[in-house]
Amino acid sequence: MRKNSGFTAFELAVSMAIVVVIAAFVMPPYLEWLRGHRLRGAVNNLLGDLEMAKIRAIRENAFVVVDFDQTSYTIFLDTGQPGGVAQDWDSAGEFIVKTKTLPVGVQFDIVSLNFNNTPLTSAKDVTRFNGRGLPDRISAQTEILLINQSDARSIFINRLGHLSVQ
């Protein structure tokens, strides 16, 4: 006598159809949660890195620059000429403290970034902290906006270096 074991092709097709229907209902909310999670994580990481840049500037008694790109940022010690007159605002040849790439789907709104930088540079996407931990050349509260497909979060820096998330 022969044992009947295993699945027939029909049973397998019905099982697969049930899995596909369940996945169709579960995947969109999961993907939305994942996008939100990535955005919140990127905001928290950036907030921590900005605080670290402030502390590093105080510890080194030097300018620490945060250079924003569309999907990444670089933090480096600005070892240009003392006095802040001829700082180069470029990470070439500088001591890089940290380079961070944002999660997939998260990016900076570079158009809205507007740090009041010196006339020596036209870079709107660069800020720095001085040796006292104060943001250099920020006269009013400045917003750093991170966006994904469906949401946005902001980090605000005021002229005293206080960081807040909204």
N, C-alpha and C. Protein backbone atom coordinates (compact mmCIF):
# COMPACT_ATOMS: atom_id res chain seq x y z
N MET A 1 0.83 -1.16 0.00
CA MET A 1 0.00 0.00 0.00
C MET A 1 0.89 1.24 0.00
N ARG A 2 0.49 2.24 -0.77
CA ARG A 2 1.27 3.44 -0.97
C ARG A 2 0.72 4.57 -0.12
N LYS A 3 1.63 5.31 0.56
CA LYS A 3 1.19 6.45 1.38
C LYS A 3 0.97 7.66 0.49
N ASN A 4 -0.06 8.39 0.78
CA ASN A 4 -0.30 9.66 0.11
C ASN A 4 0.27 10.76 0.99
N SER A 5 1.36 11.32 0.55
CA SER A 5 1.95 12.42 1.32
C SER A 5 2.30 13.55 0.36
N GLY A 6 2.35 14.79 0.92
CA GLY A 6 2.67 15.95 0.10
C GLY A 6 1.41 16.70 -0.29
N PHE A 7 1.63 17.70 -1.10
CA PHE A 7 0.52 18.55 -1.54
C PHE A 7 0.29 18.34 -3.02
N THR A 8 -0.95 18.52 -3.40
CA THR A 8 -1.25 18.53 -4.83
C THR A 8 -0.97 19.93 -5.35
N ALA A 9 -0.91 20.05 -6.66
CA ALA A 9 -0.66 21.35 -7.28
C ALA A 9 -1.79 22.33 -6.95
N PHE A 10 -3.00 21.84 -6.89
CA PHE A 10 -4.14 22.70 -6.57
C PHE A 10 -4.04 23.23 -5.14
N GLU A 11 -3.72 22.36 -4.20
CA GLU A 11 -3.57 22.80 -2.80
C GLU A 11 -2.45 23.84 -2.66
N LEU A 12 -1.37 23.63 -3.36
CA LEU A 12 -0.27 24.57 -3.33
C LEU A 12 -0.68 25.91 -3.93
N ALA A 13 -1.42 25.92 -5.02
CA ALA A 13 -1.88 27.15 -5.66
C ALA A 13 -2.83 27.92 -4.75
N VAL A 14 -3.74 27.23 -4.08
CA VAL A 14 -4.67 27.89 -3.16
C VAL A 14 -3.91 28.48 -1.97
N SER A 15 -2.94 27.76 -1.45
CA SER A 15 -2.14 28.28 -0.33
C SER A 15 -1.37 29.53 -0.75
N MET A 16 -0.80 29.51 -1.92
CA MET A 16 -0.05 30.67 -2.42
C MET A 16 -0.98 31.86 -2.64
N ALA A 17 -2.17 31.62 -3.14
CA ALA A 17 -3.14 32.70 -3.35
C ALA A 17 -3.53 33.35 -2.02
N ILE A 18 -3.70 32.56 -0.99
CA ILE A 18 -4.03 33.09 0.33
C ILE A 18 -2.89 33.96 0.86
N VAL A 19 -1.66 33.50 0.71
CA VAL A 19 -0.49 34.26 1.14
C VAL A 19 -0.40 35.58 0.39
N VAL A 20 -0.64 35.57 -0.90
CA VAL A 20 -0.58 36.79 -1.72
C VAL A 20 -1.65 37.79 -1.27
N VAL A 21 -2.86 37.33 -1.00
CA VAL A 21 -3.94 38.22 -0.56
C VAL A 21 -3.60 38.84 0.80
N ILE A 22 -3.08 38.06 1.71
CA ILE A 22 -2.70 38.58 3.03
C ILE A 22 -1.57 39.60 2.88
N ALA A 23 -0.58 39.30 2.04
CA ALA A 23 0.53 40.22 1.81
C ALA A 23 0.05 41.54 1.20
N ALA A 24 -0.94 41.48 0.33
CA ALA A 24 -1.47 42.69 -0.29
C ALA A 24 -2.09 43.63 0.75
N PHE A 25 -2.65 43.08 1.81
CA PHE A 25 -3.22 43.91 2.86
C PHE A 25 -2.18 44.38 3.87
N VAL A 26 -1.16 43.60 4.09
CA VAL A 26 -0.17 43.89 5.13
C VAL A 26 0.96 44.79 4.65
N MET A 27 1.40 44.66 3.42
CA MET A 27 2.58 45.36 2.94
C MET A 27 2.47 46.89 2.92
N PRO A 28 1.39 47.51 2.42
CA PRO A 28 1.35 48.98 2.41
C PRO A 28 1.50 49.63 3.79
N PRO A 29 0.79 49.17 4.81
CA PRO A 29 1.02 49.78 6.13
C PRO A 29 2.44 49.54 6.65
N TYR A 30 2.98 48.36 6.36
CA TYR A 30 4.35 48.06 6.80
C TYR A 30 5.34 48.99 6.11
N LEU A 31 5.19 49.20 4.82
CA LEU A 31 6.11 50.08 4.10
C LEU A 31 5.99 51.53 4.58
N GLU A 32 4.79 51.97 4.89
CA GLU A 32 4.61 53.33 5.44
C GLU A 32 5.28 53.44 6.81
N TRP A 33 5.12 52.43 7.64
CA TRP A 33 5.80 52.43 8.94
C TRP A 33 7.32 52.46 8.76
N LEU A 34 7.82 51.68 7.81
CA LEU A 34 9.26 51.61 7.57
C LEU A 34 9.81 52.96 7.12
N ARG A 35 9.08 53.67 6.23
CA ARG A 35 9.51 55.00 5.79
C ARG A 35 9.55 55.96 6.97
N GLY A 36 8.53 55.94 7.81
CA GLY A 36 8.49 56.81 8.99
C GLY A 36 9.60 56.47 9.98
N HIS A 37 9.86 55.20 10.15
CA HIS A 37 10.92 54.76 11.05
C HIS A 37 12.28 55.24 10.57
N ARG A 38 12.53 55.14 9.28
CA ARG A 38 13.80 55.61 8.72
C ARG A 38 13.96 57.12 8.90
N LEU A 39 12.87 57.86 8.70
CA LEU A 39 12.94 59.32 8.86
C LEU A 39 13.21 59.70 10.31
N ARG A 40 12.49 59.07 11.24
CA ARG A 40 12.72 59.36 12.66
C ARG A 40 14.14 58.99 13.09
N GLY A 41 14.63 57.87 12.60
CA GLY A 41 16.00 57.45 12.91
C GLY A 41 17.02 58.43 12.37
N ALA A 42 16.81 58.91 11.14
CA ALA A 42 17.75 59.87 10.55
C ALA A 42 17.74 61.18 11.33
N VAL A 43 16.58 61.62 11.77
CA VAL A 43 16.49 62.86 12.56
C VAL A 43 17.21 62.68 13.89
N ASN A 44 16.99 61.57 14.56
CA ASN A 44 17.66 61.33 15.85
C ASN A 44 19.17 61.23 15.68
N ASN A 45 19.63 60.57 14.63
CA ASN A 45 21.07 60.47 14.38
C ASN A 45 21.68 61.83 14.10
N LEU A 46 21.00 62.63 13.27
CA LEU A 46 21.51 63.97 12.96
C LEU A 46 21.54 64.85 14.20
N LEU A 47 20.51 64.76 15.01
CA LEU A 47 20.48 65.54 16.25
C LEU A 47 21.66 65.18 17.15
N GLY A 48 21.92 63.90 17.31
CA GLY A 48 23.06 63.45 18.11
C GLY A 48 24.39 63.89 17.51
N ASP A 49 24.49 63.83 16.18
CA ASP A 49 25.74 64.24 15.53
C ASP A 49 25.97 65.75 15.62
N LEU A 50 24.90 66.54 15.57
CA LEU A 50 25.05 67.99 15.75
C LEU A 50 25.49 68.31 17.17
N GLU A 51 24.94 67.61 18.14
CA GLU A 51 25.37 67.80 19.54
C GLU A 51 26.83 67.40 19.69
N MET A 52 27.22 66.30 19.04
CA MET A 52 28.60 65.85 19.08
C MET A 52 29.53 66.89 18.45
N ALA A 53 29.09 67.52 17.36
CA ALA A 53 29.90 68.54 16.70
C ALA A 53 30.10 69.75 17.63
N LYS A 54 29.05 70.13 18.35
CA LYS A 54 29.17 71.23 19.31
C LYS A 54 30.19 70.89 20.39
N ILE A 55 30.08 69.70 20.94
CA ILE A 55 30.99 69.27 22.01
C ILE A 55 32.41 69.17 21.49
N ARG A 56 32.57 68.67 20.28
CA ARG A 56 33.91 68.56 19.69
C ARG A 56 34.52 69.94 19.48
N ALA A 57 33.70 70.90 19.06
CA ALA A 57 34.20 72.27 18.86
C ALA A 57 34.68 72.87 20.18
N ILE A 58 33.96 72.61 21.25
CA ILE A 58 34.37 73.12 22.57
C ILE A 58 35.64 72.42 23.01
N ARG A 59 35.67 71.10 22.86
CA ARG A 59 36.84 70.33 23.31
C ARG A 59 38.10 70.71 22.55
N GLU A 60 38.00 70.91 21.25
CA GLU A 60 39.16 71.23 20.42
C GLU A 60 39.43 72.73 20.37
N ASN A 61 38.47 73.54 20.86
CA ASN A 61 38.55 75.00 20.78
C ASN A 61 38.84 75.42 19.34
N ALA A 62 38.06 74.86 18.43
CA ALA A 62 38.23 75.12 17.00
C ALA A 62 36.86 75.06 16.33
N PHE A 63 36.83 75.48 15.10
CA PHE A 63 35.59 75.38 14.33
C PHE A 63 35.38 73.93 13.90
N VAL A 64 34.15 73.46 14.07
CA VAL A 64 33.75 72.16 13.55
C VAL A 64 32.63 72.43 12.55
N VAL A 65 32.85 71.99 11.33
CA VAL A 65 31.95 72.29 10.22
C VAL A 65 31.04 71.09 9.96
N VAL A 66 29.78 71.39 9.67
CA VAL A 66 28.82 70.37 9.24
C VAL A 66 28.42 70.73 7.82
N ASP A 67 28.79 69.88 6.88
CA ASP A 67 28.55 70.11 5.46
C ASP A 67 27.45 69.16 5.00
N PHE A 68 26.32 69.72 4.56
CA PHE A 68 25.16 68.92 4.15
C PHE A 68 25.17 68.69 2.65
N ASP A 69 24.86 67.47 2.26
CA ASP A 69 24.66 67.11 0.86
C ASP A 69 23.23 66.60 0.76
N GLN A 70 22.76 66.25 -0.42
CA GLN A 70 21.38 65.81 -0.60
C GLN A 70 21.05 64.61 0.28
N THR A 71 21.93 63.61 0.34
CA THR A 71 21.62 62.38 1.07
C THR A 71 22.69 62.02 2.10
N SER A 72 23.55 62.97 2.46
CA SER A 72 24.59 62.68 3.43
C SER A 72 25.06 63.98 4.07
N TYR A 73 25.89 63.85 5.09
CA TYR A 73 26.53 65.00 5.70
C TYR A 73 27.89 64.59 6.22
N THR A 74 28.79 65.58 6.28
CA THR A 74 30.14 65.36 6.74
C THR A 74 30.44 66.35 7.85
N ILE A 75 31.04 65.87 8.92
CA ILE A 75 31.45 66.73 10.03
C ILE A 75 32.98 66.68 10.06
N PHE A 76 33.60 67.87 10.07
CA PHE A 76 35.06 67.91 10.08
C PHE A 76 35.57 69.11 10.86
N LEU A 77 36.79 68.98 11.37
CA LEU A 77 37.48 70.07 12.04
C LEU A 77 38.02 71.01 10.98
N ASP A 78 37.72 72.29 11.12
CA ASP A 78 38.21 73.28 10.17
C ASP A 78 39.52 73.82 10.70
N THR A 79 40.62 73.37 10.13
CA THR A 79 41.94 73.77 10.61
C THR A 79 42.54 74.89 9.77
N GLY A 80 41.68 75.71 9.14
CA GLY A 80 42.15 76.84 8.35
C GLY A 80 42.82 77.88 9.24
N GLN A 81 43.04 79.04 8.70
CA GLN A 81 43.74 80.09 9.44
C GLN A 81 42.96 80.48 10.69
N PRO A 82 43.66 80.79 11.79
CA PRO A 82 42.97 81.17 13.02
C PRO A 82 42.24 82.49 12.84
N GLY A 83 41.20 82.67 13.63
CA GLY A 83 40.44 83.91 13.60
C GLY A 83 39.17 83.81 12.78
N GLY A 84 39.02 82.75 12.04
CA GLY A 84 37.78 82.57 11.29
C GLY A 84 37.67 83.45 10.06
N VAL A 85 38.74 84.11 9.63
CA VAL A 85 38.65 85.03 8.50
C VAL A 85 38.74 84.27 7.18
N ALA A 86 39.63 83.36 7.09
CA ALA A 86 39.86 82.68 5.81
C ALA A 86 39.59 81.18 5.92
N GLN A 87 38.56 80.82 6.64
CA GLN A 87 38.21 79.41 6.72
C GLN A 87 37.77 78.94 5.34
N ASP A 88 38.14 77.72 4.98
CA ASP A 88 37.89 77.27 3.62
C ASP A 88 36.55 76.57 3.42
N TRP A 89 35.86 76.16 4.44
CA TRP A 89 34.54 75.55 4.38
C TRP A 89 34.52 74.28 3.53
N ASP A 90 35.67 73.68 3.31
CA ASP A 90 35.74 72.50 2.48
C ASP A 90 36.47 71.41 3.26
N SER A 91 36.01 70.18 3.13
CA SER A 91 36.61 69.09 3.91
C SER A 91 37.91 68.59 3.32
N ALA A 92 38.32 69.09 2.16
CA ALA A 92 39.57 68.62 1.55
C ALA A 92 40.75 68.97 2.44
N GLY A 93 41.50 67.97 2.85
CA GLY A 93 42.67 68.17 3.69
C GLY A 93 42.37 68.40 5.15
N GLU A 94 41.12 68.33 5.54
CA GLU A 94 40.73 68.55 6.93
C GLU A 94 40.56 67.20 7.64
N PHE A 95 40.54 67.25 8.98
CA PHE A 95 40.33 66.04 9.77
C PHE A 95 38.83 65.75 9.81
N ILE A 96 38.42 64.68 9.14
CA ILE A 96 37.00 64.32 9.07
C ILE A 96 36.63 63.59 10.35
N VAL A 97 35.66 64.15 11.05
CA VAL A 97 35.18 63.55 12.29
C VAL A 97 34.18 62.44 11.97
N LYS A 98 33.26 62.72 11.04
CA LYS A 98 32.23 61.73 10.74
C LYS A 98 31.62 62.03 9.38
N THR A 99 31.34 60.98 8.65
CA THR A 99 30.58 61.08 7.41
C THR A 99 29.41 60.12 7.55
N LYS A 100 28.23 60.61 7.28
CA LYS A 100 27.03 59.79 7.49
C LYS A 100 26.14 59.88 6.25
N THR A 101 25.68 58.74 5.78
CA THR A 101 24.72 58.68 4.69
C THR A 101 23.34 58.43 5.27
N LEU A 102 22.36 59.16 4.78
CA LEU A 102 20.99 59.00 5.27
C LEU A 102 20.40 57.68 4.78
N PRO A 103 19.40 57.16 5.50
CA PRO A 103 18.76 55.91 5.06
C PRO A 103 18.09 56.08 3.69
N VAL A 104 17.85 54.97 3.03
CA VAL A 104 17.21 54.99 1.72
C VAL A 104 15.86 55.69 1.81
N GLY A 105 15.63 56.63 0.89
CA GLY A 105 14.36 57.33 0.84
C GLY A 105 14.31 58.61 1.66
N VAL A 106 15.33 58.86 2.47
CA VAL A 106 15.37 60.07 3.30
C VAL A 106 16.43 61.00 2.71
N GLN A 107 16.10 62.29 2.65
CA GLN A 107 17.05 63.26 2.13
C GLN A 107 16.83 64.62 2.77
N PHE A 108 17.83 65.47 2.63
CA PHE A 108 17.71 66.84 3.11
C PHE A 108 16.99 67.67 2.05
N ASP A 109 16.20 68.63 2.51
CA ASP A 109 15.63 69.60 1.59
C ASP A 109 16.67 70.72 1.44
N ILE A 110 17.61 70.52 0.53
CA ILE A 110 18.74 71.44 0.36
C ILE A 110 18.25 72.83 -0.01
N VAL A 111 17.15 72.94 -0.75
CA VAL A 111 16.64 74.24 -1.16
C VAL A 111 16.25 75.09 0.04
N SER A 112 15.73 74.46 1.09
CA SER A 112 15.29 75.23 2.26
C SER A 112 16.43 75.54 3.23
N LEU A 113 17.58 74.88 3.08
CA LEU A 113 18.72 75.19 3.95
C LEU A 113 19.24 76.58 3.61
N ASN A 114 19.42 77.40 4.62
CA ASN A 114 19.94 78.73 4.36
C ASN A 114 20.69 79.22 5.58
N PHE A 115 21.91 78.75 5.75
CA PHE A 115 22.75 79.23 6.82
C PHE A 115 23.36 80.54 6.36
N ASN A 116 23.38 81.52 7.23
CA ASN A 116 23.94 82.83 6.89
C ASN A 116 25.45 82.75 6.96
N ASN A 117 26.07 82.32 5.88
CA ASN A 117 27.51 82.13 5.87
C ASN A 117 28.23 83.39 5.42
N THR A 118 29.52 83.36 5.50
CA THR A 118 30.33 84.53 5.19
C THR A 118 30.29 84.83 3.70
N PRO A 119 30.67 86.05 3.33
CA PRO A 119 30.75 86.36 1.91
C PRO A 119 31.84 85.56 1.20
N LEU A 120 32.73 84.92 1.97
CA LEU A 120 33.79 84.13 1.35
C LEU A 120 33.26 82.87 0.69
N THR A 121 32.07 82.49 1.05
CA THR A 121 31.51 81.27 0.49
C THR A 121 30.06 81.49 0.08
N SER A 122 29.65 80.84 -0.95
CA SER A 122 28.26 80.92 -1.37
C SER A 122 27.50 79.68 -0.91
N ALA A 123 28.16 78.84 -0.15
CA ALA A 123 27.54 77.58 0.31
C ALA A 123 26.42 77.88 1.29
N LYS A 124 25.21 77.45 0.94
CA LYS A 124 24.08 77.59 1.83
C LYS A 124 23.92 76.36 2.71
N ASP A 125 24.60 75.29 2.36
CA ASP A 125 24.39 74.01 3.01
C ASP A 125 25.52 73.64 3.95
N VAL A 126 26.17 74.65 4.54
CA VAL A 126 27.29 74.43 5.45
C VAL A 126 27.08 75.30 6.68
N THR A 127 27.26 74.71 7.84
CA THR A 127 27.28 75.50 9.07
C THR A 127 28.46 75.03 9.90
N ARG A 128 28.79 75.78 10.92
CA ARG A 128 29.89 75.37 11.79
C ARG A 128 29.65 75.88 13.20
N PHE A 129 30.28 75.19 14.13
CA PHE A 129 30.23 75.56 15.54
C PHE A 129 31.60 76.09 15.93
N ASN A 130 31.62 77.18 16.71
CA ASN A 130 32.91 77.76 17.12
C ASN A 130 33.39 77.10 18.40
N GLY A 131 34.51 77.56 18.92
CA GLY A 131 35.13 76.96 20.09
C GLY A 131 34.32 77.10 21.37
N ARG A 132 33.27 77.89 21.34
CA ARG A 132 32.38 78.01 22.50
C ARG A 132 31.11 77.18 22.33
N GLY A 133 31.02 76.45 21.22
CA GLY A 133 29.86 75.60 20.96
C GLY A 133 28.69 76.34 20.36
N LEU A 134 28.93 77.56 19.91
CA LEU A 134 27.86 78.36 19.31
C LEU A 134 27.91 78.22 17.80
N PRO A 135 26.74 78.16 17.16
CA PRO A 135 26.75 78.09 15.70
C PRO A 135 27.25 79.41 15.14
N ASP A 136 28.19 79.32 14.25
CA ASP A 136 28.80 80.52 13.68
C ASP A 136 27.90 81.10 12.60
N ARG A 137 27.66 82.39 12.69
CA ARG A 137 26.93 83.16 11.70
C ARG A 137 25.47 82.75 11.54
N ILE A 138 24.85 82.26 12.60
CA ILE A 138 23.40 82.03 12.60
C ILE A 138 22.80 83.14 13.43
N SER A 139 22.01 84.00 12.80
CA SER A 139 21.45 85.14 13.52
C SER A 139 20.02 84.88 13.99
N ALA A 140 19.36 83.92 13.40
CA ALA A 140 18.00 83.58 13.79
C ALA A 140 17.88 82.06 13.79
N GLN A 141 16.75 81.58 14.24
CA GLN A 141 16.55 80.14 14.25
C GLN A 141 16.59 79.61 12.82
N THR A 142 17.35 78.55 12.61
CA THR A 142 17.53 77.97 11.29
C THR A 142 16.97 76.55 11.28
N GLU A 143 16.34 76.19 10.19
CA GLU A 143 15.69 74.89 10.07
C GLU A 143 16.49 73.98 9.15
N ILE A 144 16.66 72.74 9.59
CA ILE A 144 17.21 71.68 8.75
C ILE A 144 16.06 70.70 8.53
N LEU A 145 15.61 70.59 7.29
CA LEU A 145 14.43 69.80 6.97
C LEU A 145 14.85 68.48 6.33
N LEU A 146 14.40 67.37 6.91
CA LEU A 146 14.60 66.04 6.34
C LEU A 146 13.26 65.56 5.82
N ILE A 147 13.26 65.00 4.62
CA ILE A 147 12.00 64.60 3.99
C ILE A 147 12.13 63.17 3.45
N ASN A 148 10.97 62.53 3.34
CA ASN A 148 10.87 61.27 2.61
C ASN A 148 9.65 61.38 1.71
N GLN A 149 9.14 60.30 1.18
CA GLN A 149 8.04 60.35 0.21
C GLN A 149 6.77 60.95 0.79
N SER A 150 6.53 60.74 2.06
CA SER A 150 5.22 61.12 2.60
C SER A 150 5.28 62.00 3.84
N ASP A 151 6.45 62.32 4.35
CA ASP A 151 6.52 63.05 5.61
C ASP A 151 7.77 63.91 5.65
N ALA A 152 7.83 64.79 6.63
CA ALA A 152 8.99 65.65 6.83
C ALA A 152 9.16 65.91 8.31
N ARG A 153 10.39 66.04 8.76
CA ARG A 153 10.72 66.39 10.14
C ARG A 153 11.77 67.48 10.10
N SER A 154 11.74 68.37 11.07
CA SER A 154 12.66 69.50 11.10
C SER A 154 13.48 69.50 12.37
N ILE A 155 14.73 69.90 12.23
CA ILE A 155 15.60 70.19 13.36
C ILE A 155 15.87 71.68 13.30
N PHE A 156 15.68 72.36 14.42
CA PHE A 156 15.92 73.79 14.48
C PHE A 156 17.16 74.07 15.33
N ILE A 157 17.99 74.99 14.85
CA ILE A 157 19.16 75.47 15.60
C ILE A 157 18.96 76.95 15.82
N ASN A 158 19.02 77.38 17.09
CA ASN A 158 18.95 78.81 17.32
C ASN A 158 20.36 79.39 17.46
N ARG A 159 20.46 80.69 17.61
CA ARG A 159 21.77 81.33 17.60
C ARG A 159 22.62 80.98 18.83
N LEU A 160 22.01 80.39 19.85
CA LEU A 160 22.76 79.96 21.03
C LEU A 160 23.15 78.48 20.95
N GLY A 161 22.80 77.83 19.85
CA GLY A 161 23.18 76.44 19.66
C GLY A 161 22.19 75.44 20.19
N HIS A 162 21.03 75.89 20.66
CA HIS A 162 20.01 74.96 21.16
C HIS A 162 19.38 74.24 19.99
N LEU A 163 19.30 72.93 20.07
CA LEU A 163 18.74 72.09 19.02
C LEU A 163 17.39 71.54 19.46
N SER A 164 16.41 71.59 18.57
CA SER A 164 15.09 71.03 18.87
C SER A 164 14.53 70.37 17.63
N VAL A 165 13.65 69.40 17.85
CA VAL A 165 13.03 68.64 16.75
C VAL A 165 11.55 68.94 16.72
N GLN A 166 11.04 69.12 15.51
CA GLN A 166 9.59 69.30 15.34
C GLN A 166 9.13 68.54 14.13
